[in-house]
Amino acid sequence: QALSKLHGSFIAVRFNKTQKQLSL
């Protein structure tokens, strides 16, 4: 819901180092 309201152009890569997860 919050992402749908963001202003700007981007690619974000989210790391959870503890759980060894990655999100694009």
PDBML (XML) file of the C-alpha atoms, coordinates in Angstrom:
<?xml version="1.0" encoding="UTF-8" ?>
<PDBx:datablock datablockName="MODEL"
   xmlns:PDBx="http://pdbml.pdb.org/schema/pdbx-v50.xsd"
   xmlns:xsi="http://www.w3.org/2001/XMLSchema-instance"
   xsi:schemaLocation="http://pdbml.pdb.org/schema/pdbx-v50.xsd pdbx-v50.xsd">
   <PDBx:atom_siteCategory>
      <PDBx:atom_site id="1">
         <PDBx:B_iso_or_equiv>0.00</PDBx:B_iso_or_equiv>
         <PDBx:Cartn_x>0.000</PDBx:Cartn_x>
         <PDBx:Cartn_y>0.000</PDBx:Cartn_y>
         <PDBx:Cartn_z>0.000</PDBx:Cartn_z>
         <PDBx:auth_asym_id>A</PDBx:auth_asym_id>
         <PDBx:auth_atom_id>CA</PDBx:auth_atom_id>
         <PDBx:auth_comp_id>GLN</PDBx:auth_comp_id>
         <PDBx:auth_seq_id>1</PDBx:auth_seq_id>
         <PDBx:group_PDB>ATOM</PDBx:group_PDB>
         <PDBx:label_alt_id xsi:nil="true" />
         <PDBx:label_asym_id>A</PDBx:label_asym_id>
         <PDBx:label_atom_id>CA</PDBx:label_atom_id>
         <PDBx:label_comp_id>GLN</PDBx:label_comp_id>
         <PDBx:label_entity_id>1</PDBx:label_entity_id>
         <PDBx:label_seq_id>1</PDBx:label_seq_id>
         <PDBx:occupancy>1.00</PDBx:occupancy>
         <PDBx:pdbx_PDB_model_num>1</PDBx:pdbx_PDB_model_num>
         <PDBx:type_symbol>C</PDBx:type_symbol>
      </PDBx:atom_site>
      <PDBx:atom_site id="2">
         <PDBx:B_iso_or_equiv>0.00</PDBx:B_iso_or_equiv>
         <PDBx:Cartn_x>2.786</PDBx:Cartn_x>
         <PDBx:Cartn_y>2.410</PDBx:Cartn_y>
         <PDBx:Cartn_z>0.852</PDBx:Cartn_z>
         <PDBx:auth_asym_id>A</PDBx:auth_asym_id>
         <PDBx:auth_atom_id>CA</PDBx:auth_atom_id>
         <PDBx:auth_comp_id>ALA</PDBx:auth_comp_id>
         <PDBx:auth_seq_id>2</PDBx:auth_seq_id>
         <PDBx:group_PDB>ATOM</PDBx:group_PDB>
         <PDBx:label_alt_id xsi:nil="true" />
         <PDBx:label_asym_id>A</PDBx:label_asym_id>
         <PDBx:label_atom_id>CA</PDBx:label_atom_id>
         <PDBx:label_comp_id>ALA</PDBx:label_comp_id>
         <PDBx:label_entity_id>1</PDBx:label_entity_id>
         <PDBx:label_seq_id>2</PDBx:label_seq_id>
         <PDBx:occupancy>1.00</PDBx:occupancy>
         <PDBx:pdbx_PDB_model_num>1</PDBx:pdbx_PDB_model_num>
         <PDBx:type_symbol>C</PDBx:type_symbol>
      </PDBx:atom_site>
      <PDBx:atom_site id="3">
         <PDBx:B_iso_or_equiv>0.00</PDBx:B_iso_or_equiv>
         <PDBx:Cartn_x>4.764</PDBx:Cartn_x>
         <PDBx:Cartn_y>1.483</PDBx:Cartn_y>
         <PDBx:Cartn_z>-2.269</PDBx:Cartn_z>
         <PDBx:auth_asym_id>A</PDBx:auth_asym_id>
         <PDBx:auth_atom_id>CA</PDBx:auth_atom_id>
         <PDBx:auth_comp_id>LEU</PDBx:auth_comp_id>
         <PDBx:auth_seq_id>3</PDBx:auth_seq_id>
         <PDBx:group_PDB>ATOM</PDBx:group_PDB>
         <PDBx:label_alt_id xsi:nil="true" />
         <PDBx:label_asym_id>A</PDBx:label_asym_id>
         <PDBx:label_atom_id>CA</PDBx:label_atom_id>
         <PDBx:label_comp_id>LEU</PDBx:label_comp_id>
         <PDBx:label_entity_id>1</PDBx:label_entity_id>
         <PDBx:label_seq_id>3</PDBx:label_seq_id>
         <PDBx:occupancy>1.00</PDBx:occupancy>
         <PDBx:pdbx_PDB_model_num>1</PDBx:pdbx_PDB_model_num>
         <PDBx:type_symbol>C</PDBx:type_symbol>
      </PDBx:atom_site>
      <PDBx:atom_site id="4">
         <PDBx:B_iso_or_equiv>0.00</PDBx:B_iso_or_equiv>
         <PDBx:Cartn_x>1.806</PDBx:Cartn_x>
         <PDBx:Cartn_y>2.347</PDBx:Cartn_y>
         <PDBx:Cartn_z>-4.496</PDBx:Cartn_z>
         <PDBx:auth_asym_id>A</PDBx:auth_asym_id>
         <PDBx:auth_atom_id>CA</PDBx:auth_atom_id>
         <PDBx:auth_comp_id>SER</PDBx:auth_comp_id>
         <PDBx:auth_seq_id>4</PDBx:auth_seq_id>
         <PDBx:group_PDB>ATOM</PDBx:group_PDB>
         <PDBx:label_alt_id xsi:nil="true" />
         <PDBx:label_asym_id>A</PDBx:label_asym_id>
         <PDBx:label_atom_id>CA</PDBx:label_atom_id>
         <PDBx:label_comp_id>SER</PDBx:label_comp_id>
         <PDBx:label_entity_id>1</PDBx:label_entity_id>
         <PDBx:label_seq_id>4</PDBx:label_seq_id>
         <PDBx:occupancy>1.00</PDBx:occupancy>
         <PDBx:pdbx_PDB_model_num>1</PDBx:pdbx_PDB_model_num>
         <PDBx:type_symbol>C</PDBx:type_symbol>
      </PDBx:atom_site>
      <PDBx:atom_site id="5">
         <PDBx:B_iso_or_equiv>0.00</PDBx:B_iso_or_equiv>
         <PDBx:Cartn_x>1.941</PDBx:Cartn_x>
         <PDBx:Cartn_y>5.942</PDBx:Cartn_y>
         <PDBx:Cartn_z>-3.227</PDBx:Cartn_z>
         <PDBx:auth_asym_id>A</PDBx:auth_asym_id>
         <PDBx:auth_atom_id>CA</PDBx:auth_atom_id>
         <PDBx:auth_comp_id>LYS</PDBx:auth_comp_id>
         <PDBx:auth_seq_id>5</PDBx:auth_seq_id>
         <PDBx:group_PDB>ATOM</PDBx:group_PDB>
         <PDBx:label_alt_id xsi:nil="true" />
         <PDBx:label_asym_id>A</PDBx:label_asym_id>
         <PDBx:label_atom_id>CA</PDBx:label_atom_id>
         <PDBx:label_comp_id>LYS</PDBx:label_comp_id>
         <PDBx:label_entity_id>1</PDBx:label_entity_id>
         <PDBx:label_seq_id>5</PDBx:label_seq_id>
         <PDBx:occupancy>1.00</PDBx:occupancy>
         <PDBx:pdbx_PDB_model_num>1</PDBx:pdbx_PDB_model_num>
         <PDBx:type_symbol>C</PDBx:type_symbol>
      </PDBx:atom_site>
      <PDBx:atom_site id="6">
         <PDBx:B_iso_or_equiv>0.00</PDBx:B_iso_or_equiv>
         <PDBx:Cartn_x>5.685</PDBx:Cartn_x>
         <PDBx:Cartn_y>6.544</PDBx:Cartn_y>
         <PDBx:Cartn_z>-3.530</PDBx:Cartn_z>
         <PDBx:auth_asym_id>A</PDBx:auth_asym_id>
         <PDBx:auth_atom_id>CA</PDBx:auth_atom_id>
         <PDBx:auth_comp_id>LEU</PDBx:auth_comp_id>
         <PDBx:auth_seq_id>6</PDBx:auth_seq_id>
         <PDBx:group_PDB>ATOM</PDBx:group_PDB>
         <PDBx:label_alt_id xsi:nil="true" />
         <PDBx:label_asym_id>A</PDBx:label_asym_id>
         <PDBx:label_atom_id>CA</PDBx:label_atom_id>
         <PDBx:label_comp_id>LEU</PDBx:label_comp_id>
         <PDBx:label_entity_id>1</PDBx:label_entity_id>
         <PDBx:label_seq_id>6</PDBx:label_seq_id>
         <PDBx:occupancy>1.00</PDBx:occupancy>
         <PDBx:pdbx_PDB_model_num>1</PDBx:pdbx_PDB_model_num>
         <PDBx:type_symbol>C</PDBx:type_symbol>
      </PDBx:atom_site>
      <PDBx:atom_site id="7">
         <PDBx:B_iso_or_equiv>0.00</PDBx:B_iso_or_equiv>
         <PDBx:Cartn_x>6.951</PDBx:Cartn_x>
         <PDBx:Cartn_y>9.301</PDBx:Cartn_y>
         <PDBx:Cartn_z>-5.804</PDBx:Cartn_z>
         <PDBx:auth_asym_id>A</PDBx:auth_asym_id>
         <PDBx:auth_atom_id>CA</PDBx:auth_atom_id>
         <PDBx:auth_comp_id>HIS</PDBx:auth_comp_id>
         <PDBx:auth_seq_id>7</PDBx:auth_seq_id>
         <PDBx:group_PDB>ATOM</PDBx:group_PDB>
         <PDBx:label_alt_id xsi:nil="true" />
         <PDBx:label_asym_id>A</PDBx:label_asym_id>
         <PDBx:label_atom_id>CA</PDBx:label_atom_id>
         <PDBx:label_comp_id>HIS</PDBx:label_comp_id>
         <PDBx:label_entity_id>1</PDBx:label_entity_id>
         <PDBx:label_seq_id>7</PDBx:label_seq_id>
         <PDBx:occupancy>1.00</PDBx:occupancy>
         <PDBx:pdbx_PDB_model_num>1</PDBx:pdbx_PDB_model_num>
         <PDBx:type_symbol>C</PDBx:type_symbol>
      </PDBx:atom_site>
      <PDBx:atom_site id="8">
         <PDBx:B_iso_or_equiv>0.00</PDBx:B_iso_or_equiv>
         <PDBx:Cartn_x>9.974</PDBx:Cartn_x>
         <PDBx:Cartn_y>8.538</PDBx:Cartn_y>
         <PDBx:Cartn_z>-7.925</PDBx:Cartn_z>
         <PDBx:auth_asym_id>A</PDBx:auth_asym_id>
         <PDBx:auth_atom_id>CA</PDBx:auth_atom_id>
         <PDBx:auth_comp_id>GLY</PDBx:auth_comp_id>
         <PDBx:auth_seq_id>8</PDBx:auth_seq_id>
         <PDBx:group_PDB>ATOM</PDBx:group_PDB>
         <PDBx:label_alt_id xsi:nil="true" />
         <PDBx:label_asym_id>A</PDBx:label_asym_id>
         <PDBx:label_atom_id>CA</PDBx:label_atom_id>
         <PDBx:label_comp_id>GLY</PDBx:label_comp_id>
         <PDBx:label_entity_id>1</PDBx:label_entity_id>
         <PDBx:label_seq_id>8</PDBx:label_seq_id>
         <PDBx:occupancy>1.00</PDBx:occupancy>
         <PDBx:pdbx_PDB_model_num>1</PDBx:pdbx_PDB_model_num>
         <PDBx:type_symbol>C</PDBx:type_symbol>
      </PDBx:atom_site>
      <PDBx:atom_site id="9">
         <PDBx:B_iso_or_equiv>0.00</PDBx:B_iso_or_equiv>
         <PDBx:Cartn_x>11.524</PDBx:Cartn_x>
         <PDBx:Cartn_y>6.013</PDBx:Cartn_y>
         <PDBx:Cartn_z>-10.297</PDBx:Cartn_z>
         <PDBx:auth_asym_id>A</PDBx:auth_asym_id>
         <PDBx:auth_atom_id>CA</PDBx:auth_atom_id>
         <PDBx:auth_comp_id>SER</PDBx:auth_comp_id>
         <PDBx:auth_seq_id>9</PDBx:auth_seq_id>
         <PDBx:group_PDB>ATOM</PDBx:group_PDB>
         <PDBx:label_alt_id xsi:nil="true" />
         <PDBx:label_asym_id>A</PDBx:label_asym_id>
         <PDBx:label_atom_id>CA</PDBx:label_atom_id>
         <PDBx:label_comp_id>SER</PDBx:label_comp_id>
         <PDBx:label_entity_id>1</PDBx:label_entity_id>
         <PDBx:label_seq_id>9</PDBx:label_seq_id>
         <PDBx:occupancy>1.00</PDBx:occupancy>
         <PDBx:pdbx_PDB_model_num>1</PDBx:pdbx_PDB_model_num>
         <PDBx:type_symbol>C</PDBx:type_symbol>
      </PDBx:atom_site>
      <PDBx:atom_site id="10">
         <PDBx:B_iso_or_equiv>0.00</PDBx:B_iso_or_equiv>
         <PDBx:Cartn_x>13.587</PDBx:Cartn_x>
         <PDBx:Cartn_y>3.204</PDBx:Cartn_y>
         <PDBx:Cartn_z>-8.837</PDBx:Cartn_z>
         <PDBx:auth_asym_id>A</PDBx:auth_asym_id>
         <PDBx:auth_atom_id>CA</PDBx:auth_atom_id>
         <PDBx:auth_comp_id>PHE</PDBx:auth_comp_id>
         <PDBx:auth_seq_id>10</PDBx:auth_seq_id>
         <PDBx:group_PDB>ATOM</PDBx:group_PDB>
         <PDBx:label_alt_id xsi:nil="true" />
         <PDBx:label_asym_id>A</PDBx:label_asym_id>
         <PDBx:label_atom_id>CA</PDBx:label_atom_id>
         <PDBx:label_comp_id>PHE</PDBx:label_comp_id>
         <PDBx:label_entity_id>1</PDBx:label_entity_id>
         <PDBx:label_seq_id>10</PDBx:label_seq_id>
         <PDBx:occupancy>1.00</PDBx:occupancy>
         <PDBx:pdbx_PDB_model_num>1</PDBx:pdbx_PDB_model_num>
         <PDBx:type_symbol>C</PDBx:type_symbol>
      </PDBx:atom_site>
      <PDBx:atom_site id="11">
         <PDBx:B_iso_or_equiv>0.00</PDBx:B_iso_or_equiv>
         <PDBx:Cartn_x>14.756</PDBx:Cartn_x>
         <PDBx:Cartn_y>-0.354</PDBx:Cartn_y>
         <PDBx:Cartn_z>-8.534</PDBx:Cartn_z>
         <PDBx:auth_asym_id>A</PDBx:auth_asym_id>
         <PDBx:auth_atom_id>CA</PDBx:auth_atom_id>
         <PDBx:auth_comp_id>ILE</PDBx:auth_comp_id>
         <PDBx:auth_seq_id>11</PDBx:auth_seq_id>
         <PDBx:group_PDB>ATOM</PDBx:group_PDB>
         <PDBx:label_alt_id xsi:nil="true" />
         <PDBx:label_asym_id>A</PDBx:label_asym_id>
         <PDBx:label_atom_id>CA</PDBx:label_atom_id>
         <PDBx:label_comp_id>ILE</PDBx:label_comp_id>
         <PDBx:label_entity_id>1</PDBx:label_entity_id>
         <PDBx:label_seq_id>11</PDBx:label_seq_id>
         <PDBx:occupancy>1.00</PDBx:occupancy>
         <PDBx:pdbx_PDB_model_num>1</PDBx:pdbx_PDB_model_num>
         <PDBx:type_symbol>C</PDBx:type_symbol>
      </PDBx:atom_site>
      <PDBx:atom_site id="12">
         <PDBx:B_iso_or_equiv>0.00</PDBx:B_iso_or_equiv>
         <PDBx:Cartn_x>15.322</PDBx:Cartn_x>
         <PDBx:Cartn_y>-1.457</PDBx:Cartn_y>
         <PDBx:Cartn_z>-4.954</PDBx:Cartn_z>
         <PDBx:auth_asym_id>A</PDBx:auth_asym_id>
         <PDBx:auth_atom_id>CA</PDBx:auth_atom_id>
         <PDBx:auth_comp_id>ALA</PDBx:auth_comp_id>
         <PDBx:auth_seq_id>12</PDBx:auth_seq_id>
         <PDBx:group_PDB>ATOM</PDBx:group_PDB>
         <PDBx:label_alt_id xsi:nil="true" />
         <PDBx:label_asym_id>A</PDBx:label_asym_id>
         <PDBx:label_atom_id>CA</PDBx:label_atom_id>
         <PDBx:label_comp_id>ALA</PDBx:label_comp_id>
         <PDBx:label_entity_id>1</PDBx:label_entity_id>
         <PDBx:label_seq_id>12</PDBx:label_seq_id>
         <PDBx:occupancy>1.00</PDBx:occupancy>
         <PDBx:pdbx_PDB_model_num>1</PDBx:pdbx_PDB_model_num>
         <PDBx:type_symbol>C</PDBx:type_symbol>
      </PDBx:atom_site>
      <PDBx:atom_site id="13">
         <PDBx:B_iso_or_equiv>0.00</PDBx:B_iso_or_equiv>
         <PDBx:Cartn_x>17.013</PDBx:Cartn_x>
         <PDBx:Cartn_y>-4.647</PDBx:Cartn_y>
         <PDBx:Cartn_z>-3.752</PDBx:Cartn_z>
         <PDBx:auth_asym_id>A</PDBx:auth_asym_id>
         <PDBx:auth_atom_id>CA</PDBx:auth_atom_id>
         <PDBx:auth_comp_id>VAL</PDBx:auth_comp_id>
         <PDBx:auth_seq_id>13</PDBx:auth_seq_id>
         <PDBx:group_PDB>ATOM</PDBx:group_PDB>
         <PDBx:label_alt_id xsi:nil="true" />
         <PDBx:label_asym_id>A</PDBx:label_asym_id>
         <PDBx:label_atom_id>CA</PDBx:label_atom_id>
         <PDBx:label_comp_id>VAL</PDBx:label_comp_id>
         <PDBx:label_entity_id>1</PDBx:label_entity_id>
         <PDBx:label_seq_id>13</PDBx:label_seq_id>
         <PDBx:occupancy>1.00</PDBx:occupancy>
         <PDBx:pdbx_PDB_model_num>1</PDBx:pdbx_PDB_model_num>
         <PDBx:type_symbol>C</PDBx:type_symbol>
      </PDBx:atom_site>
      <PDBx:atom_site id="14">
         <PDBx:B_iso_or_equiv>0.00</PDBx:B_iso_or_equiv>
         <PDBx:Cartn_x>16.090</PDBx:Cartn_x>
         <PDBx:Cartn_y>-5.585</PDBx:Cartn_y>
         <PDBx:Cartn_z>-0.191</PDBx:Cartn_z>
         <PDBx:auth_asym_id>A</PDBx:auth_asym_id>
         <PDBx:auth_atom_id>CA</PDBx:auth_atom_id>
         <PDBx:auth_comp_id>ARG</PDBx:auth_comp_id>
         <PDBx:auth_seq_id>14</PDBx:auth_seq_id>
         <PDBx:group_PDB>ATOM</PDBx:group_PDB>
         <PDBx:label_alt_id xsi:nil="true" />
         <PDBx:label_asym_id>A</PDBx:label_asym_id>
         <PDBx:label_atom_id>CA</PDBx:label_atom_id>
         <PDBx:label_comp_id>ARG</PDBx:label_comp_id>
         <PDBx:label_entity_id>1</PDBx:label_entity_id>
         <PDBx:label_seq_id>14</PDBx:label_seq_id>
         <PDBx:occupancy>1.00</PDBx:occupancy>
         <PDBx:pdbx_PDB_model_num>1</PDBx:pdbx_PDB_model_num>
         <PDBx:type_symbol>C</PDBx:type_symbol>
      </PDBx:atom_site>
      <PDBx:atom_site id="15">
         <PDBx:B_iso_or_equiv>0.00</PDBx:B_iso_or_equiv>
         <PDBx:Cartn_x>18.394</PDBx:Cartn_x>
         <PDBx:Cartn_y>-7.879</PDBx:Cartn_y>
         <PDBx:Cartn_z>1.796</PDBx:Cartn_z>
         <PDBx:auth_asym_id>A</PDBx:auth_asym_id>
         <PDBx:auth_atom_id>CA</PDBx:auth_atom_id>
         <PDBx:auth_comp_id>PHE</PDBx:auth_comp_id>
         <PDBx:auth_seq_id>15</PDBx:auth_seq_id>
         <PDBx:group_PDB>ATOM</PDBx:group_PDB>
         <PDBx:label_alt_id xsi:nil="true" />
         <PDBx:label_asym_id>A</PDBx:label_asym_id>
         <PDBx:label_atom_id>CA</PDBx:label_atom_id>
         <PDBx:label_comp_id>PHE</PDBx:label_comp_id>
         <PDBx:label_entity_id>1</PDBx:label_entity_id>
         <PDBx:label_seq_id>15</PDBx:label_seq_id>
         <PDBx:occupancy>1.00</PDBx:occupancy>
         <PDBx:pdbx_PDB_model_num>1</PDBx:pdbx_PDB_model_num>
         <PDBx:type_symbol>C</PDBx:type_symbol>
      </PDBx:atom_site>
      <PDBx:atom_site id="16">
         <PDBx:B_iso_or_equiv>0.00</PDBx:B_iso_or_equiv>
         <PDBx:Cartn_x>17.527</PDBx:Cartn_x>
         <PDBx:Cartn_y>-9.727</PDBx:Cartn_y>
         <PDBx:Cartn_z>4.948</PDBx:Cartn_z>
         <PDBx:auth_asym_id>A</PDBx:auth_asym_id>
         <PDBx:auth_atom_id>CA</PDBx:auth_atom_id>
         <PDBx:auth_comp_id>ASN</PDBx:auth_comp_id>
         <PDBx:auth_seq_id>16</PDBx:auth_seq_id>
         <PDBx:group_PDB>ATOM</PDBx:group_PDB>
         <PDBx:label_alt_id xsi:nil="true" />
         <PDBx:label_asym_id>A</PDBx:label_asym_id>
         <PDBx:label_atom_id>CA</PDBx:label_atom_id>
         <PDBx:label_comp_id>ASN</PDBx:label_comp_id>
         <PDBx:label_entity_id>1</PDBx:label_entity_id>
         <PDBx:label_seq_id>16</PDBx:label_seq_id>
         <PDBx:occupancy>1.00</PDBx:occupancy>
         <PDBx:pdbx_PDB_model_num>1</PDBx:pdbx_PDB_model_num>
         <PDBx:type_symbol>C</PDBx:type_symbol>
      </PDBx:atom_site>
      <PDBx:atom_site id="17">
         <PDBx:B_iso_or_equiv>0.00</PDBx:B_iso_or_equiv>
         <PDBx:Cartn_x>20.961</PDBx:Cartn_x>
         <PDBx:Cartn_y>-10.995</PDBx:Cartn_y>
         <PDBx:Cartn_z>5.919</PDBx:Cartn_z>
         <PDBx:auth_asym_id>A</PDBx:auth_asym_id>
         <PDBx:auth_atom_id>CA</PDBx:auth_atom_id>
         <PDBx:auth_comp_id>LYS</PDBx:auth_comp_id>
         <PDBx:auth_seq_id>17</PDBx:auth_seq_id>
         <PDBx:group_PDB>ATOM</PDBx:group_PDB>
         <PDBx:label_alt_id xsi:nil="true" />
         <PDBx:label_asym_id>A</PDBx:label_asym_id>
         <PDBx:label_atom_id>CA</PDBx:label_atom_id>
         <PDBx:label_comp_id>LYS</PDBx:label_comp_id>
         <PDBx:label_entity_id>1</PDBx:label_entity_id>
         <PDBx:label_seq_id>17</PDBx:label_seq_id>
         <PDBx:occupancy>1.00</PDBx:occupancy>
         <PDBx:pdbx_PDB_model_num>1</PDBx:pdbx_PDB_model_num>
         <PDBx:type_symbol>C</PDBx:type_symbol>
      </PDBx:atom_site>
      <PDBx:atom_site id="18">
         <PDBx:B_iso_or_equiv>0.00</PDBx:B_iso_or_equiv>
         <PDBx:Cartn_x>19.699</PDBx:Cartn_x>
         <PDBx:Cartn_y>-12.939</PDBx:Cartn_y>
         <PDBx:Cartn_z>8.919</PDBx:Cartn_z>
         <PDBx:auth_asym_id>A</PDBx:auth_asym_id>
         <PDBx:auth_atom_id>CA</PDBx:auth_atom_id>
         <PDBx:auth_comp_id>THR</PDBx:auth_comp_id>
         <PDBx:auth_seq_id>18</PDBx:auth_seq_id>
         <PDBx:group_PDB>ATOM</PDBx:group_PDB>
         <PDBx:label_alt_id xsi:nil="true" />
         <PDBx:label_asym_id>A</PDBx:label_asym_id>
         <PDBx:label_atom_id>CA</PDBx:label_atom_id>
         <PDBx:label_comp_id>THR</PDBx:label_comp_id>
         <PDBx:label_entity_id>1</PDBx:label_entity_id>
         <PDBx:label_seq_id>18</PDBx:label_seq_id>
         <PDBx:occupancy>1.00</PDBx:occupancy>
         <PDBx:pdbx_PDB_model_num>1</PDBx:pdbx_PDB_model_num>
         <PDBx:type_symbol>C</PDBx:type_symbol>
      </PDBx:atom_site>
      <PDBx:atom_site id="19">
         <PDBx:B_iso_or_equiv>0.00</PDBx:B_iso_or_equiv>
         <PDBx:Cartn_x>17.168</PDBx:Cartn_x>
         <PDBx:Cartn_y>-14.974</PDBx:Cartn_y>
         <PDBx:Cartn_z>6.925</PDBx:Cartn_z>
         <PDBx:auth_asym_id>A</PDBx:auth_asym_id>
         <PDBx:auth_atom_id>CA</PDBx:auth_atom_id>
         <PDBx:auth_comp_id>GLN</PDBx:auth_comp_id>
         <PDBx:auth_seq_id>19</PDBx:auth_seq_id>
         <PDBx:group_PDB>ATOM</PDBx:group_PDB>
         <PDBx:label_alt_id xsi:nil="true" />
         <PDBx:label_asym_id>A</PDBx:label_asym_id>
         <PDBx:label_atom_id>CA</PDBx:label_atom_id>
         <PDBx:label_comp_id>GLN</PDBx:label_comp_id>
         <PDBx:label_entity_id>1</PDBx:label_entity_id>
         <PDBx:label_seq_id>19</PDBx:label_seq_id>
         <PDBx:occupancy>1.00</PDBx:occupancy>
         <PDBx:pdbx_PDB_model_num>1</PDBx:pdbx_PDB_model_num>
         <PDBx:type_symbol>C</PDBx:type_symbol>
      </PDBx:atom_site>
      <PDBx:atom_site id="20">
         <PDBx:B_iso_or_equiv>0.00</PDBx:B_iso_or_equiv>
         <PDBx:Cartn_x>19.237</PDBx:Cartn_x>
         <PDBx:Cartn_y>-14.920</PDBx:Cartn_y>
         <PDBx:Cartn_z>3.708</PDBx:Cartn_z>
         <PDBx:auth_asym_id>A</PDBx:auth_asym_id>
         <PDBx:auth_atom_id>CA</PDBx:auth_atom_id>
         <PDBx:auth_comp_id>LYS</PDBx:auth_comp_id>
         <PDBx:auth_seq_id>20</PDBx:auth_seq_id>
         <PDBx:group_PDB>ATOM</PDBx:group_PDB>
         <PDBx:label_alt_id xsi:nil="true" />
         <PDBx:label_asym_id>A</PDBx:label_asym_id>
         <PDBx:label_atom_id>CA</PDBx:label_atom_id>
         <PDBx:label_comp_id>LYS</PDBx:label_comp_id>
         <PDBx:label_entity_id>1</PDBx:label_entity_id>
         <PDBx:label_seq_id>20</PDBx:label_seq_id>
         <PDBx:occupancy>1.00</PDBx:occupancy>
         <PDBx:pdbx_PDB_model_num>1</PDBx:pdbx_PDB_model_num>
         <PDBx:type_symbol>C</PDBx:type_symbol>
      </PDBx:atom_site>
      <PDBx:atom_site id="21">
         <PDBx:B_iso_or_equiv>0.00</PDBx:B_iso_or_equiv>
         <PDBx:Cartn_x>16.343</PDBx:Cartn_x>
         <PDBx:Cartn_y>-13.501</PDBx:Cartn_y>
         <PDBx:Cartn_z>1.698</PDBx:Cartn_z>
         <PDBx:auth_asym_id>A</PDBx:auth_asym_id>
         <PDBx:auth_atom_id>CA</PDBx:auth_atom_id>
         <PDBx:auth_comp_id>GLN</PDBx:auth_comp_id>
         <PDBx:auth_seq_id>21</PDBx:auth_seq_id>
         <PDBx:group_PDB>ATOM</PDBx:group_PDB>
         <PDBx:label_alt_id xsi:nil="true" />
         <PDBx:label_asym_id>A</PDBx:label_asym_id>
         <PDBx:label_atom_id>CA</PDBx:label_atom_id>
         <PDBx:label_comp_id>GLN</PDBx:label_comp_id>
         <PDBx:label_entity_id>1</PDBx:label_entity_id>
         <PDBx:label_seq_id>21</PDBx:label_seq_id>
         <PDBx:occupancy>1.00</PDBx:occupancy>
         <PDBx:pdbx_PDB_model_num>1</PDBx:pdbx_PDB_model_num>
         <PDBx:type_symbol>C</PDBx:type_symbol>
      </PDBx:atom_site>
      <PDBx:atom_site id="22">
         <PDBx:B_iso_or_equiv>0.00</PDBx:B_iso_or_equiv>
         <PDBx:Cartn_x>16.447</PDBx:Cartn_x>
         <PDBx:Cartn_y>-11.100</PDBx:Cartn_y>
         <PDBx:Cartn_z>-1.210</PDBx:Cartn_z>
         <PDBx:auth_asym_id>A</PDBx:auth_asym_id>
         <PDBx:auth_atom_id>CA</PDBx:auth_atom_id>
         <PDBx:auth_comp_id>LEU</PDBx:auth_comp_id>
         <PDBx:auth_seq_id>22</PDBx:auth_seq_id>
         <PDBx:group_PDB>ATOM</PDBx:group_PDB>
         <PDBx:label_alt_id xsi:nil="true" />
         <PDBx:label_asym_id>A</PDBx:label_asym_id>
         <PDBx:label_atom_id>CA</PDBx:label_atom_id>
         <PDBx:label_comp_id>LEU</PDBx:label_comp_id>
         <PDBx:label_entity_id>1</PDBx:label_entity_id>
         <PDBx:label_seq_id>22</PDBx:label_seq_id>
         <PDBx:occupancy>1.00</PDBx:occupancy>
         <PDBx:pdbx_PDB_model_num>1</PDBx:pdbx_PDB_model_num>
         <PDBx:type_symbol>C</PDBx:type_symbol>
      </PDBx:atom_site>
      <PDBx:atom_site id="23">
         <PDBx:B_iso_or_equiv>0.00</PDBx:B_iso_or_equiv>
         <PDBx:Cartn_x>13.621</PDBx:Cartn_x>
         <PDBx:Cartn_y>-9.060</PDBx:Cartn_y>
         <PDBx:Cartn_z>-2.762</PDBx:Cartn_z>
         <PDBx:auth_asym_id>A</PDBx:auth_asym_id>
         <PDBx:auth_atom_id>CA</PDBx:auth_atom_id>
         <PDBx:auth_comp_id>SER</PDBx:auth_comp_id>
         <PDBx:auth_seq_id>23</PDBx:auth_seq_id>
         <PDBx:group_PDB>ATOM</PDBx:group_PDB>
         <PDBx:label_alt_id xsi:nil="true" />
         <PDBx:label_asym_id>A</PDBx:label_asym_id>
         <PDBx:label_atom_id>CA</PDBx:label_atom_id>
         <PDBx:label_comp_id>SER</PDBx:label_comp_id>
         <PDBx:label_entity_id>1</PDBx:label_entity_id>
         <PDBx:label_seq_id>23</PDBx:label_seq_id>
         <PDBx:occupancy>1.00</PDBx:occupancy>
         <PDBx:pdbx_PDB_model_num>1</PDBx:pdbx_PDB_model_num>
         <PDBx:type_symbol>C</PDBx:type_symbol>
      </PDBx:atom_site>
      <PDBx:atom_site id="24">
         <PDBx:B_iso_or_equiv>0.00</PDBx:B_iso_or_equiv>
         <PDBx:Cartn_x>13.546</PDBx:Cartn_x>
         <PDBx:Cartn_y>-7.045</PDBx:Cartn_y>
         <PDBx:Cartn_z>-5.982</PDBx:Cartn_z>
         <PDBx:auth_asym_id>A</PDBx:auth_asym_id>
         <PDBx:auth_atom_id>CA</PDBx:auth_atom_id>
         <PDBx:auth_comp_id>LEU</PDBx:auth_comp_id>
         <PDBx:auth_seq_id>24</PDBx:auth_seq_id>
         <PDBx:group_PDB>ATOM</PDBx:group_PDB>
         <PDBx:label_alt_id xsi:nil="true" />
         <PDBx:label_asym_id>A</PDBx:label_asym_id>
         <PDBx:label_atom_id>CA</PDBx:label_atom_id>
         <PDBx:label_comp_id>LEU</PDBx:label_comp_id>
         <PDBx:label_entity_id>1</PDBx:label_entity_id>
         <PDBx:label_seq_id>24</PDBx:label_seq_id>
         <PDBx:occupancy>1.00</PDBx:occupancy>
         <PDBx:pdbx_PDB_model_num>1</PDBx:pdbx_PDB_model_num>
         <PDBx:type_symbol>C</PDBx:type_symbol>
      </PDBx:atom_site>
   </PDBx:atom_siteCategory>
</PDBx:datablock>
